[in-house]
Every structure is written in C-alpha cells, then in structure tokens.
C-alpha cells in the first residue's frame, strides 16, 4: 500500500470514529463518545499529515533498484557558465543558468520504520536545489554562486513540519539530505535516478562520458 493509500485509510477510519462518537453522544454515552471523538481527531491529523507528505514528496519504487528522476543537459554560454535543461519525470523541462565547473543536485529523504514500513509506506524523496560548484575551493571567494530551489511550496512546508515534530512521530526512522555532483560540459547529458542509498547520476552521451573520464 502506498503512502496515499495509508492516508486514505486513516482519513476513512477517522470519519468512521467521528460518526460513532456522534452516535454515542446521541445515545447518552458521552464518556465513550468523547474518547472516540478524540481518537478520531488524532487519526484525522495523522491522515492529513500522510496526505501532505504524499503530495509534497515522491516515493522510491520498491520493485526496482533505482527510481528514475529525470535528465539534465548542458549548453556552454562561456568558459565557466552553462545553461542547464532539467527535465524531471513529473514536470515540464526547465532551464537554469549555472556558473562553475560542476553541477550539484541536492535531495531530501524520509525513511520509515515499523509499523509504517510494514503497512507499505515507501521511502520518500524531495528534490531540494540545483546549484553550481567549483573545483577550486578558493574560487568561492570571488566567483559567482548560482543556486535554484526545486521543491514546491507544499513540500517545503511538510518537510519543515515533519522535522520539527520528528520526536513525536515514532514511525519516522530518519530524515536527511544527500547530493550528487558531476562536471559540466557543452552538450553533456546525464541521467538522474534515486536509490535507497541516495541520488545517482550517470553519463548519458559521449560528451558526458568524456567530461567524467578526466575530472
């Protein structure tokens, strides 16, 4: 069962509990109705949180070693500046001006433990940012820094809420960041995927293979 399925199940359970609470209240069982309504509200909150995570994050495919994320291709503007064309699985192609020697893609992960993993909750990821990177660290003092946010607004909000309340979510195993970087070159194209260990980027044409063979 996917996280969306779990969220739907929790919300339906919450509605059932609230209906039982109203019915019990009408019959005079107010103590039982109060306890049932409280349980229903807690279940509804968990269902809403799960639905928000499902909307803001992407699940890793359990049936394959890697889940495809998209491709990124570069066109040189000058010696250290490139136009990147990022094509993600669930979005239209977008273009970003990247300064530096390397491109870097950052991602955020949420990993679940029992009972959520037993229920079928997948490990979730959310692309965070695309930025430029310089091979020479000293260049950072004077070089142009370029970085672009990739996560949508619901995703950023849910990440913030989840990390702030992590201690109160016993089924959340870990939340952490991960990044991959590779050299940029004119015409180079890379395939991006995500696995259990993190992001994976591979050359997808001769220009990319040539760029990575000598860096």
N, C-alpha and C. Protein backbone atom coordinates (compact mmCIF):
# COMPACT_ATOMS: atom_id res chain seq x y z
N UNK A 1 0.85 -1.19 0.00
CA UNK A 1 0.00 0.00 0.00
C UNK A 1 0.88 1.24 0.00
N UNK A 2 0.56 2.21 -0.84
CA UNK A 2 1.34 3.44 -0.92
C UNK A 2 0.98 4.35 0.24
N UNK A 3 1.79 5.43 0.40
CA UNK A 3 1.51 6.38 1.46
C UNK A 3 0.16 7.06 1.23
N UNK A 4 -0.20 7.29 -0.02
CA UNK A 4 -1.51 7.86 -0.32
C UNK A 4 -2.62 6.92 0.12
N UNK A 5 -2.41 5.61 -0.08
CA UNK A 5 -3.38 4.63 0.36
C UNK A 5 -3.52 4.60 1.87
N UNK A 6 -2.37 4.70 2.56
CA UNK A 6 -2.39 4.74 4.02
C UNK A 6 -3.13 5.98 4.50
N UNK A 7 -2.87 7.12 3.85
CA UNK A 7 -3.54 8.37 4.22
C UNK A 7 -5.05 8.25 4.03
N UNK A 8 -5.46 7.67 2.92
CA UNK A 8 -6.89 7.49 2.66
C UNK A 8 -7.52 6.59 3.71
N UNK A 9 -6.83 5.50 4.06
CA UNK A 9 -7.35 4.60 5.08
C UNK A 9 -7.49 5.28 6.43
N UNK A 10 -6.50 6.10 6.79
CA UNK A 10 -6.56 6.82 8.07
C UNK A 10 -7.72 7.81 8.09
N UNK A 11 -7.92 8.53 6.99
CA UNK A 11 -9.00 9.51 6.94
C UNK A 11 -10.37 8.84 6.99
N UNK A 12 -10.50 7.71 6.30
CA UNK A 12 -11.77 6.97 6.36
C UNK A 12 -12.02 6.42 7.76
N UNK A 13 -10.96 5.95 8.41
CA UNK A 13 -11.09 5.47 9.78
C UNK A 13 -11.50 6.61 10.71
N UNK A 14 -10.91 7.80 10.48
CA UNK A 14 -11.25 8.96 11.30
C UNK A 14 -12.72 9.34 11.14
N UNK A 15 -13.21 9.31 9.90
CA UNK A 15 -14.62 9.62 9.67
C UNK A 15 -15.53 8.62 10.37
N UNK A 16 -15.15 7.35 10.32
CA UNK A 16 -15.94 6.32 10.99
C UNK A 16 -15.97 6.54 12.50
N UNK A 17 -14.80 6.85 13.07
CA UNK A 17 -14.73 7.09 14.51
C UNK A 17 -15.56 8.30 14.92
N UNK A 18 -15.50 9.36 14.13
CA UNK A 18 -16.27 10.55 14.45
C UNK A 18 -17.77 10.29 14.33
N UNK A 19 -18.15 9.48 13.34
CA UNK A 19 -19.55 9.10 13.21
C UNK A 19 -20.02 8.30 14.42
N UNK A 20 -19.18 7.38 14.88
CA UNK A 20 -19.50 6.60 16.07
C UNK A 20 -19.59 7.48 17.31
N UNK A 21 -18.73 8.50 17.37
CA UNK A 21 -18.76 9.42 18.51
C UNK A 21 -20.07 10.20 18.55
N UNK A 22 -20.50 10.69 17.39
CA UNK A 22 -21.77 11.42 17.33
C UNK A 22 -22.93 10.52 17.71
N UNK A 23 -22.89 9.29 17.21
CA UNK A 23 -23.95 8.34 17.52
C UNK A 23 -23.98 8.02 19.01
N UNK A 24 -22.79 7.83 19.61
CA UNK A 24 -22.73 7.55 21.03
C UNK A 24 -23.19 8.72 21.88
N UNK A 25 -22.89 9.94 21.43
CA UNK A 25 -23.31 11.14 22.15
C UNK A 25 -24.84 11.23 22.18
N UNK A 26 -25.46 10.94 21.05
CA UNK A 26 -26.93 11.00 20.97
C UNK A 26 -27.57 9.94 21.85
N UNK A 27 -26.88 8.83 22.07
CA UNK A 27 -27.42 7.75 22.90
C UNK A 27 -27.13 7.94 24.38
N UNK A 28 -26.37 9.00 24.70
CA UNK A 28 -26.08 9.30 26.09
C UNK A 28 -24.76 8.77 26.59
N UNK A 29 -24.00 8.06 25.77
CA UNK A 29 -22.69 7.54 26.19
C UNK A 29 -21.62 8.61 25.95
N UNK A 30 -21.68 9.64 26.77
CA UNK A 30 -20.84 10.81 26.50
C UNK A 30 -19.36 10.56 26.78
N UNK A 31 -19.04 9.76 27.79
CA UNK A 31 -17.62 9.47 28.07
C UNK A 31 -17.00 8.69 26.92
N UNK A 32 -17.72 7.66 26.48
CA UNK A 32 -17.22 6.86 25.36
C UNK A 32 -17.17 7.69 24.08
N UNK A 33 -18.17 8.55 23.89
CA UNK A 33 -18.21 9.40 22.70
C UNK A 33 -17.04 10.38 22.69
N UNK A 34 -16.70 10.91 23.87
CA UNK A 34 -15.59 11.85 23.95
C UNK A 34 -14.27 11.18 23.62
N UNK A 35 -14.06 9.97 24.15
CA UNK A 35 -12.83 9.24 23.86
C UNK A 35 -12.75 8.86 22.38
N UNK A 36 -13.89 8.45 21.82
CA UNK A 36 -13.92 8.08 20.40
C UNK A 36 -13.66 9.28 19.51
N UNK A 37 -14.23 10.42 19.86
CA UNK A 37 -14.01 11.62 19.04
C UNK A 37 -12.55 12.07 19.11
N UNK A 38 -11.93 11.95 20.29
CA UNK A 38 -10.52 12.32 20.41
C UNK A 38 -9.66 11.40 19.56
N UNK A 39 -9.95 10.10 19.58
CA UNK A 39 -9.21 9.16 18.75
C UNK A 39 -9.43 9.45 17.27
N UNK A 40 -10.65 9.83 16.92
CA UNK A 40 -10.95 10.17 15.53
C UNK A 40 -10.19 11.39 15.07
N UNK A 41 -10.10 12.41 15.93
CA UNK A 41 -9.37 13.62 15.57
C UNK A 41 -7.87 13.33 15.41
N UNK A 42 -7.31 12.51 16.29
CA UNK A 42 -5.90 12.15 16.17
C UNK A 42 -5.64 11.37 14.88
N UNK A 43 -6.55 10.46 14.56
CA UNK A 43 -6.41 9.69 13.33
C UNK A 43 -6.52 10.60 12.11
N UNK A 44 -7.42 11.58 12.17
CA UNK A 44 -7.57 12.53 11.05
C UNK A 44 -6.31 13.36 10.87
N UNK A 45 -5.68 13.76 11.97
CA UNK A 45 -4.44 14.52 11.87
C UNK A 45 -3.33 13.69 11.24
N UNK A 46 -3.23 12.42 11.63
CA UNK A 46 -2.23 11.54 11.02
C UNK A 46 -2.51 11.32 9.54
N UNK A 47 -3.78 11.17 9.20
CA UNK A 47 -4.14 11.00 7.80
C UNK A 47 -3.84 12.24 6.98
N UNK A 48 -4.11 13.42 7.55
CA UNK A 48 -3.80 14.66 6.84
C UNK A 48 -2.31 14.85 6.64
N UNK A 49 -1.52 14.49 7.67
CA UNK A 49 -0.07 14.59 7.54
C UNK A 49 0.45 13.65 6.47
N UNK A 50 -0.07 12.42 6.45
CA UNK A 50 0.36 11.44 5.44
C UNK A 50 -0.02 11.91 4.04
N UNK A 51 -1.21 12.51 3.90
CA UNK A 51 -1.64 13.01 2.60
C UNK A 51 -0.74 14.16 2.15
N UNK A 52 -0.36 15.03 3.09
CA UNK A 52 0.54 16.14 2.75
C UNK A 52 1.91 15.65 2.31
N UNK A 53 2.43 14.64 2.99
CA UNK A 53 3.73 14.08 2.60
C UNK A 53 3.65 13.43 1.23
N UNK A 54 2.55 12.74 0.97
CA UNK A 54 2.38 12.09 -0.34
C UNK A 54 2.32 13.13 -1.46
N UNK A 55 1.76 14.31 -1.16
CA UNK A 55 1.65 15.36 -2.17
C UNK A 55 2.97 16.10 -2.38
N UNK A 56 3.78 16.24 -1.32
CA UNK A 56 5.00 17.02 -1.41
C UNK A 56 6.25 16.23 -1.72
N UNK A 57 6.19 14.90 -1.58
CA UNK A 57 7.35 14.06 -1.79
C UNK A 57 7.04 13.01 -2.86
N UNK A 58 8.09 12.36 -3.35
CA UNK A 58 7.95 11.29 -4.34
C UNK A 58 8.44 9.99 -3.72
N UNK A 59 7.73 8.90 -4.00
CA UNK A 59 8.08 7.60 -3.42
C UNK A 59 9.11 6.89 -4.29
N UNK A 60 10.04 6.20 -3.63
CA UNK A 60 11.00 5.35 -4.34
C UNK A 60 10.32 4.02 -4.67
N UNK A 61 10.49 3.59 -5.89
CA UNK A 61 9.88 2.34 -6.34
C UNK A 61 10.51 1.16 -5.60
N UNK A 62 9.70 0.43 -4.85
CA UNK A 62 10.20 -0.72 -4.09
C UNK A 62 10.61 -1.88 -4.99
N UNK A 63 10.05 -1.93 -6.20
CA UNK A 63 10.25 -3.08 -7.06
C UNK A 63 11.49 -2.98 -7.94
N UNK A 64 12.17 -1.84 -7.90
CA UNK A 64 13.37 -1.67 -8.72
C UNK A 64 14.51 -1.13 -7.86
N UNK A 65 15.74 -1.33 -8.35
CA UNK A 65 16.91 -0.85 -7.61
C UNK A 65 16.97 0.66 -7.60
N UNK A 66 16.51 1.30 -8.67
CA UNK A 66 16.55 2.75 -8.78
C UNK A 66 15.24 3.27 -9.39
N UNK A 67 14.83 4.43 -8.93
CA UNK A 67 13.66 5.09 -9.50
C UNK A 67 14.15 6.27 -10.35
N UNK A 68 13.73 6.35 -11.62
CA UNK A 68 14.19 7.46 -12.47
C UNK A 68 13.66 8.80 -11.98
N UNK A 69 14.51 9.80 -12.04
CA UNK A 69 14.13 11.16 -11.65
C UNK A 69 14.02 12.06 -12.88
N UNK A 70 14.99 11.95 -13.80
CA UNK A 70 14.96 12.77 -15.00
C UNK A 70 16.33 12.86 -15.64
N UNK A 71 16.50 13.87 -16.45
CA UNK A 71 17.79 14.11 -17.12
C UNK A 71 18.17 15.57 -17.00
N UNK A 72 19.46 15.83 -17.14
CA UNK A 72 19.95 17.20 -17.16
C UNK A 72 20.97 17.32 -18.29
N UNK A 73 20.86 18.36 -19.10
CA UNK A 73 21.72 18.56 -20.26
C UNK A 73 22.25 19.99 -20.26
N UNK A 74 23.50 20.16 -20.73
CA UNK A 74 24.17 21.45 -20.62
C UNK A 74 24.58 22.01 -21.98
N UNK A 75 24.43 23.34 -22.09
CA UNK A 75 24.92 24.09 -23.26
C UNK A 75 25.82 25.19 -22.74
N UNK A 76 27.05 25.29 -23.27
CA UNK A 76 28.02 26.26 -22.79
C UNK A 76 27.63 27.68 -23.20
N UNK A 77 27.70 28.60 -22.23
CA UNK A 77 27.50 30.02 -22.51
C UNK A 77 28.84 30.73 -22.59
N UNK A 78 29.78 30.35 -21.72
CA UNK A 78 31.17 30.79 -21.79
C UNK A 78 32.00 29.75 -21.06
N UNK A 79 33.22 30.08 -20.68
CA UNK A 79 34.14 29.07 -20.15
C UNK A 79 33.66 28.42 -18.86
N UNK A 80 32.97 29.13 -18.01
CA UNK A 80 32.53 28.57 -16.73
C UNK A 80 31.04 28.82 -16.47
N UNK A 81 30.27 29.01 -17.52
CA UNK A 81 28.84 29.24 -17.36
C UNK A 81 28.08 28.40 -18.38
N UNK A 82 27.03 27.72 -17.89
CA UNK A 82 26.27 26.81 -18.75
C UNK A 82 24.77 27.05 -18.57
N UNK A 83 24.02 26.72 -19.59
CA UNK A 83 22.58 26.70 -19.48
C UNK A 83 22.18 25.24 -19.30
N UNK A 84 21.56 24.95 -18.17
CA UNK A 84 21.14 23.59 -17.86
C UNK A 84 19.67 23.41 -18.20
N UNK A 85 19.38 22.32 -18.87
CA UNK A 85 17.99 21.95 -19.17
C UNK A 85 17.64 20.73 -18.32
N UNK A 86 16.85 20.97 -17.29
CA UNK A 86 16.48 19.91 -16.35
C UNK A 86 15.08 19.40 -16.70
N UNK A 87 15.01 18.13 -17.02
CA UNK A 87 13.74 17.50 -17.37
C UNK A 87 13.43 16.44 -16.34
N UNK A 88 12.46 16.69 -15.48
CA UNK A 88 12.07 15.77 -14.43
C UNK A 88 10.88 14.93 -14.87
N UNK A 89 10.71 13.78 -14.22
CA UNK A 89 9.66 12.84 -14.61
C UNK A 89 8.27 13.45 -14.50
N UNK A 90 8.05 14.30 -13.51
CA UNK A 90 6.71 14.81 -13.25
C UNK A 90 6.55 16.29 -13.56
N UNK A 91 7.51 16.88 -14.29
CA UNK A 91 7.43 18.32 -14.57
C UNK A 91 7.86 18.61 -16.00
N UNK A 92 7.48 19.79 -16.50
CA UNK A 92 7.94 20.24 -17.80
C UNK A 92 9.41 20.63 -17.71
N UNK A 93 10.16 20.56 -18.83
CA UNK A 93 11.57 20.97 -18.80
C UNK A 93 11.74 22.40 -18.31
N UNK A 94 12.79 22.63 -17.53
CA UNK A 94 13.10 23.96 -17.01
C UNK A 94 14.56 24.27 -17.30
N UNK A 95 14.87 25.56 -17.46
CA UNK A 95 16.23 25.98 -17.81
C UNK A 95 16.81 26.83 -16.67
N UNK A 96 18.08 26.57 -16.37
CA UNK A 96 18.77 27.26 -15.29
C UNK A 96 20.18 27.64 -15.74
N UNK A 97 20.57 28.84 -15.45
CA UNK A 97 21.93 29.30 -15.75
C UNK A 97 22.82 28.90 -14.57
N UNK A 98 23.83 28.06 -14.85
CA UNK A 98 24.69 27.52 -13.80
C UNK A 98 26.13 27.99 -14.02
N UNK A 99 26.71 28.59 -13.01
CA UNK A 99 28.11 29.02 -13.05
C UNK A 99 28.96 28.06 -12.23
N UNK A 100 30.12 27.69 -12.76
CA UNK A 100 31.02 26.80 -12.04
C UNK A 100 31.60 25.72 -12.92
N UNK A 101 32.26 24.76 -12.29
CA UNK A 101 32.86 23.63 -13.00
C UNK A 101 31.96 22.39 -12.95
N UNK A 102 31.19 22.28 -11.87
CA UNK A 102 30.33 21.11 -11.67
C UNK A 102 28.88 21.56 -11.45
N UNK A 103 27.96 20.66 -11.72
CA UNK A 103 26.58 20.87 -11.31
C UNK A 103 26.32 19.98 -10.11
N UNK A 104 25.48 20.45 -9.20
CA UNK A 104 25.17 19.69 -7.98
C UNK A 104 23.67 19.68 -7.77
N UNK A 105 23.14 18.50 -7.48
CA UNK A 105 21.72 18.33 -7.21
C UNK A 105 21.56 17.80 -5.78
N UNK A 106 20.75 18.50 -4.97
CA UNK A 106 20.51 18.12 -3.59
C UNK A 106 19.11 17.53 -3.44
N UNK A 107 18.99 16.57 -2.52
CA UNK A 107 17.70 15.90 -2.31
C UNK A 107 17.50 15.68 -0.82
N UNK A 108 16.23 15.59 -0.42
CA UNK A 108 15.88 15.28 0.97
C UNK A 108 15.18 13.93 1.01
N UNK A 109 15.41 13.17 2.09
CA UNK A 109 14.83 11.84 2.22
C UNK A 109 14.06 11.72 3.53
N UNK A 110 12.99 10.93 3.48
CA UNK A 110 12.27 10.50 4.67
C UNK A 110 12.20 8.97 4.63
N UNK A 111 12.65 8.33 5.70
CA UNK A 111 12.66 6.87 5.78
C UNK A 111 11.81 6.43 6.95
N UNK A 112 11.02 5.37 6.75
CA UNK A 112 10.06 4.92 7.76
C UNK A 112 10.50 3.62 8.42
N UNK A 113 10.02 3.42 9.63
CA UNK A 113 10.24 2.17 10.34
C UNK A 113 8.87 1.57 10.69
N UNK A 114 8.87 0.44 11.39
CA UNK A 114 7.62 -0.18 11.80
C UNK A 114 6.83 0.77 12.70
N UNK A 115 5.50 0.84 12.59
CA UNK A 115 4.65 -0.02 11.76
C UNK A 115 4.40 0.53 10.34
N UNK A 116 4.91 1.76 10.07
CA UNK A 116 4.61 2.37 8.78
C UNK A 116 5.18 1.56 7.62
N UNK A 117 6.42 1.07 7.75
CA UNK A 117 7.02 0.29 6.67
C UNK A 117 6.29 -1.02 6.46
N UNK A 118 5.78 -1.62 7.56
CA UNK A 118 5.02 -2.86 7.44
C UNK A 118 3.71 -2.62 6.71
N UNK A 119 3.15 -1.43 6.85
CA UNK A 119 1.90 -1.08 6.17
C UNK A 119 2.14 -0.75 4.70
N UNK A 120 3.41 -0.60 4.32
CA UNK A 120 3.72 -0.35 2.91
C UNK A 120 4.18 1.06 2.60
N UNK A 121 4.44 1.87 3.61
CA UNK A 121 4.90 3.24 3.36
C UNK A 121 6.26 3.22 2.70
N UNK A 122 6.40 3.89 1.56
CA UNK A 122 7.64 3.90 0.83
C UNK A 122 8.60 4.95 1.39
N UNK A 123 9.87 4.74 1.12
CA UNK A 123 10.86 5.79 1.40
C UNK A 123 10.58 6.94 0.44
N UNK A 124 10.58 8.17 0.95
CA UNK A 124 10.20 9.34 0.17
C UNK A 124 11.39 10.23 -0.10
N UNK A 125 11.38 10.91 -1.24
CA UNK A 125 12.42 11.88 -1.53
C UNK A 125 11.81 13.14 -2.13
N UNK A 126 12.54 14.23 -1.99
CA UNK A 126 12.10 15.53 -2.49
C UNK A 126 13.33 16.28 -3.01
N UNK A 127 13.35 16.61 -4.30
CA UNK A 127 14.47 17.38 -4.83
C UNK A 127 14.48 18.75 -4.17
N UNK A 128 15.67 19.17 -3.75
CA UNK A 128 15.78 20.40 -2.97
C UNK A 128 16.32 21.57 -3.79
N UNK A 129 17.52 21.39 -4.39
CA UNK A 129 18.09 22.52 -5.14
C UNK A 129 19.06 22.04 -6.21
N UNK A 130 19.25 22.90 -7.20
CA UNK A 130 20.25 22.70 -8.24
C UNK A 130 21.21 23.88 -8.15
N UNK A 131 22.52 23.60 -8.14
CA UNK A 131 23.49 24.68 -7.96
C UNK A 131 24.76 24.39 -8.72
N UNK A 132 25.61 25.42 -8.80
CA UNK A 132 26.93 25.29 -9.40
C UNK A 132 27.98 25.03 -8.33
N UNK A 133 29.05 24.40 -8.74
CA UNK A 133 30.12 24.04 -7.80
C UNK A 133 31.47 24.24 -8.48
N UNK A 134 32.45 24.73 -7.72
CA UNK A 134 33.77 24.99 -8.29
C UNK A 134 34.77 23.94 -7.81
N UNK A 135 35.63 23.49 -8.72
CA UNK A 135 36.65 22.52 -8.37
C UNK A 135 37.66 23.11 -7.39
N UNK A 136 37.98 24.38 -7.55
CA UNK A 136 38.92 25.07 -6.68
C UNK A 136 38.13 25.80 -5.59
N UNK A 137 38.29 25.38 -4.35
CA UNK A 137 37.54 25.96 -3.25
C UNK A 137 37.83 27.46 -3.10
N UNK A 138 39.07 27.87 -3.37
CA UNK A 138 39.43 29.29 -3.22
C UNK A 138 38.66 30.18 -4.19
N UNK A 139 38.15 29.60 -5.28
CA UNK A 139 37.39 30.39 -6.25
C UNK A 139 36.08 30.91 -5.67
N UNK A 140 35.60 30.27 -4.60
CA UNK A 140 34.35 30.67 -3.99
C UNK A 140 34.39 32.09 -3.43
N UNK A 141 35.60 32.59 -3.16
CA UNK A 141 35.73 33.94 -2.58
C UNK A 141 35.34 35.03 -3.57
N UNK A 142 35.54 34.76 -4.85
CA UNK A 142 35.29 35.80 -5.86
C UNK A 142 34.34 35.35 -6.97
N UNK A 143 34.09 34.05 -7.06
CA UNK A 143 33.30 33.53 -8.18
C UNK A 143 31.80 33.75 -7.96
N UNK A 144 31.07 33.69 -9.04
CA UNK A 144 29.61 33.81 -8.98
C UNK A 144 29.00 32.51 -8.45
N UNK A 145 28.07 32.64 -7.52
CA UNK A 145 27.39 31.49 -6.95
C UNK A 145 25.97 31.44 -7.51
N UNK A 146 25.58 30.30 -8.07
CA UNK A 146 24.24 30.14 -8.61
C UNK A 146 23.57 28.94 -7.94
N UNK A 147 22.34 29.13 -7.49
CA UNK A 147 21.59 28.05 -6.85
C UNK A 147 20.10 28.31 -7.05
N UNK A 148 19.34 27.23 -7.26
CA UNK A 148 17.90 27.34 -7.54
C UNK A 148 17.14 26.31 -6.71
N UNK A 149 16.08 26.75 -6.07
CA UNK A 149 15.23 25.84 -5.31
C UNK A 149 14.35 25.03 -6.24
N UNK A 150 14.18 23.76 -5.94
CA UNK A 150 13.38 22.86 -6.79
C UNK A 150 12.14 22.32 -6.09
N UNK A 151 12.12 22.35 -4.76
CA UNK A 151 10.97 21.78 -4.05
C UNK A 151 9.80 22.74 -4.12
N UNK A 152 8.59 22.19 -4.26
CA UNK A 152 7.41 23.04 -4.31
C UNK A 152 7.01 23.48 -2.91
N UNK A 153 6.11 24.43 -2.83
CA UNK A 153 5.75 25.02 -1.54
C UNK A 153 5.17 24.00 -0.56
N UNK A 154 4.21 23.14 -0.97
CA UNK A 154 3.71 22.13 -0.03
C UNK A 154 4.82 21.21 0.48
N UNK A 155 5.77 20.89 -0.41
CA UNK A 155 6.85 20.02 0.00
C UNK A 155 7.74 20.66 1.06
N UNK A 156 8.07 21.93 0.88
CA UNK A 156 8.90 22.63 1.87
C UNK A 156 8.19 22.72 3.21
N UNK A 157 6.88 23.00 3.17
CA UNK A 157 6.11 23.13 4.40
C UNK A 157 6.04 21.81 5.14
N UNK A 158 5.80 20.71 4.39
CA UNK A 158 5.70 19.41 5.02
C UNK A 158 7.05 18.94 5.57
N UNK A 159 8.15 19.26 4.87
CA UNK A 159 9.47 18.90 5.39
C UNK A 159 9.73 19.61 6.71
N UNK A 160 9.43 20.91 6.76
CA UNK A 160 9.65 21.67 7.98
C UNK A 160 8.81 21.12 9.13
N UNK A 161 7.55 20.83 8.85
CA UNK A 161 6.67 20.30 9.89
C UNK A 161 7.14 18.94 10.37
N UNK A 162 7.57 18.08 9.44
CA UNK A 162 7.98 16.72 9.80
C UNK A 162 9.25 16.73 10.65
N UNK A 163 10.24 17.53 10.26
CA UNK A 163 11.49 17.56 11.01
C UNK A 163 11.30 18.20 12.39
N UNK A 164 10.41 19.16 12.49
CA UNK A 164 10.17 19.79 13.79
C UNK A 164 9.45 18.87 14.76
N UNK A 165 8.62 17.97 14.23
CA UNK A 165 7.84 17.07 15.07
C UNK A 165 8.35 15.64 15.01
N UNK A 166 9.58 15.46 14.57
CA UNK A 166 10.13 14.11 14.36
C UNK A 166 10.10 13.29 15.64
N UNK A 167 10.37 13.91 16.77
CA UNK A 167 10.41 13.16 18.02
C UNK A 167 9.03 12.62 18.42
N UNK A 168 7.98 13.23 17.85
CA UNK A 168 6.63 12.79 18.18
C UNK A 168 6.06 11.83 17.12
N UNK A 169 6.85 11.48 16.13
CA UNK A 169 6.40 10.56 15.09
C UNK A 169 7.23 9.29 15.22
N UNK A 170 6.77 8.31 16.00
CA UNK A 170 7.59 7.13 16.29
C UNK A 170 7.91 6.28 15.07
N UNK A 171 7.09 6.39 14.00
CA UNK A 171 7.33 5.55 12.83
C UNK A 171 8.27 6.19 11.82
N UNK A 172 8.73 7.42 12.09
CA UNK A 172 9.71 8.07 11.21
C UNK A 172 11.10 7.66 11.65
N UNK A 173 11.82 6.97 10.78
CA UNK A 173 13.13 6.43 11.13
C UNK A 173 14.23 7.48 10.99
N UNK A 174 14.20 8.24 9.89
CA UNK A 174 15.27 9.21 9.67
C UNK A 174 14.85 10.24 8.62
N UNK A 175 15.37 11.43 8.76
CA UNK A 175 15.23 12.47 7.74
C UNK A 175 16.62 13.04 7.50
N UNK A 176 17.04 13.09 6.25
CA UNK A 176 18.41 13.51 5.97
C UNK A 176 18.51 14.02 4.54
N UNK A 177 19.63 14.68 4.26
CA UNK A 177 19.89 15.21 2.93
C UNK A 177 20.99 14.43 2.24
N UNK A 178 21.02 14.55 0.92
CA UNK A 178 22.00 13.84 0.10
C UNK A 178 22.22 14.67 -1.16
N UNK A 179 23.38 14.55 -1.79
CA UNK A 179 23.66 15.33 -3.00
C UNK A 179 24.56 14.54 -3.94
N UNK A 180 24.50 14.88 -5.22
CA UNK A 180 25.39 14.31 -6.22
C UNK A 180 25.92 15.46 -7.07
N UNK A 181 27.18 15.38 -7.48
CA UNK A 181 27.74 16.41 -8.36
C UNK A 181 28.66 15.76 -9.39
N UNK A 182 28.65 16.36 -10.59
CA UNK A 182 29.45 15.89 -11.72
C UNK A 182 29.85 17.10 -12.56
N UNK A 183 30.89 16.96 -13.39
CA UNK A 183 31.35 18.11 -14.18
C UNK A 183 30.36 18.50 -15.27
N UNK A 184 30.38 19.78 -15.61
CA UNK A 184 29.58 20.28 -16.72
C UNK A 184 30.43 20.35 -17.98
N UNK A 185 29.80 20.16 -19.14
CA UNK A 185 30.48 20.26 -20.43
C UNK A 185 29.43 20.56 -21.49
N UNK A 186 29.86 21.23 -22.54
CA UNK A 186 28.93 21.59 -23.62
C UNK A 186 28.35 20.32 -24.26
N UNK A 187 27.04 20.23 -24.28
CA UNK A 187 26.36 19.09 -24.88
C UNK A 187 26.24 17.87 -23.99
N UNK A 188 26.80 17.91 -22.79
CA UNK A 188 26.77 16.75 -21.89
C UNK A 188 25.36 16.54 -21.34
N UNK A 189 24.95 15.27 -21.31
CA UNK A 189 23.63 14.91 -20.76
C UNK A 189 23.80 13.78 -19.75
N UNK A 190 23.11 13.91 -18.62
CA UNK A 190 23.20 12.93 -17.55
C UNK A 190 21.80 12.42 -17.19
N UNK A 191 21.73 11.14 -16.86
CA UNK A 191 20.51 10.54 -16.34
C UNK A 191 20.58 10.54 -14.81
N UNK A 192 19.49 10.95 -14.18
CA UNK A 192 19.43 11.05 -12.73
C UNK A 192 18.39 10.06 -12.21
N UNK A 193 18.77 9.32 -11.19
CA UNK A 193 17.84 8.40 -10.55
C UNK A 193 18.09 8.44 -9.04
N UNK A 194 17.20 7.79 -8.31
CA UNK A 194 17.35 7.76 -6.85
C UNK A 194 17.22 6.31 -6.40
N UNK A 195 18.08 5.93 -5.48
CA UNK A 195 18.09 4.58 -4.92
C UNK A 195 18.01 4.67 -3.41
N UNK A 196 18.05 3.53 -2.76
CA UNK A 196 17.96 3.53 -1.31
C UNK A 196 19.09 4.30 -0.64
N UNK A 197 20.26 4.31 -1.27
CA UNK A 197 21.42 4.99 -0.68
C UNK A 197 21.47 6.47 -1.00
N UNK A 198 20.72 6.93 -2.01
CA UNK A 198 20.73 8.34 -2.37
C UNK A 198 20.62 8.56 -3.86
N UNK A 199 20.99 9.76 -4.30
CA UNK A 199 20.94 10.11 -5.71
C UNK A 199 22.03 9.40 -6.51
N UNK A 200 21.72 9.12 -7.76
CA UNK A 200 22.68 8.52 -8.68
C UNK A 200 22.60 9.30 -9.99
N UNK A 201 23.74 9.69 -10.54
CA UNK A 201 23.79 10.38 -11.83
C UNK A 201 24.80 9.66 -12.73
N UNK A 202 24.40 9.40 -13.97
CA UNK A 202 25.26 8.68 -14.91
C UNK A 202 25.33 9.42 -16.24
N UNK A 203 26.49 9.39 -16.91
CA UNK A 203 26.60 10.00 -18.25
C UNK A 203 25.62 9.33 -19.21
N UNK A 204 25.01 10.16 -20.07
CA UNK A 204 24.01 9.64 -20.99
C UNK A 204 24.38 9.86 -22.46
N UNK A 205 25.56 10.46 -22.69
CA UNK A 205 26.04 10.61 -24.08
C UNK A 205 27.56 10.71 -24.06
N UNK A 206 28.15 10.82 -25.23
CA UNK A 206 29.61 10.82 -25.33
C UNK A 206 30.23 12.04 -24.67
N UNK A 207 29.59 13.21 -24.77
CA UNK A 207 30.13 14.42 -24.15
C UNK A 207 30.19 14.27 -22.62
N UNK A 208 29.16 13.67 -22.05
CA UNK A 208 29.14 13.47 -20.60
C UNK A 208 30.19 12.44 -20.19
N UNK A 209 30.32 11.38 -20.96
CA UNK A 209 31.32 10.35 -20.64
C UNK A 209 32.73 10.92 -20.73
N UNK A 210 32.96 11.76 -21.72
CA UNK A 210 34.28 12.37 -21.87
C UNK A 210 34.57 13.31 -20.69
N UNK A 211 33.56 14.08 -20.26
CA UNK A 211 33.75 15.02 -19.15
C UNK A 211 34.05 14.30 -17.85
N UNK A 212 33.39 13.18 -17.61
CA UNK A 212 33.60 12.45 -16.36
C UNK A 212 34.84 11.57 -16.37
N UNK A 213 35.38 11.30 -17.55
CA UNK A 213 36.54 10.41 -17.62
C UNK A 213 37.83 11.07 -17.18
N UNK A 214 37.85 12.41 -17.16
CA UNK A 214 39.10 13.12 -16.87
C UNK A 214 39.03 14.03 -15.65
N UNK A 215 37.92 14.08 -14.97
CA UNK A 215 37.81 15.05 -13.87
C UNK A 215 38.34 14.48 -12.57
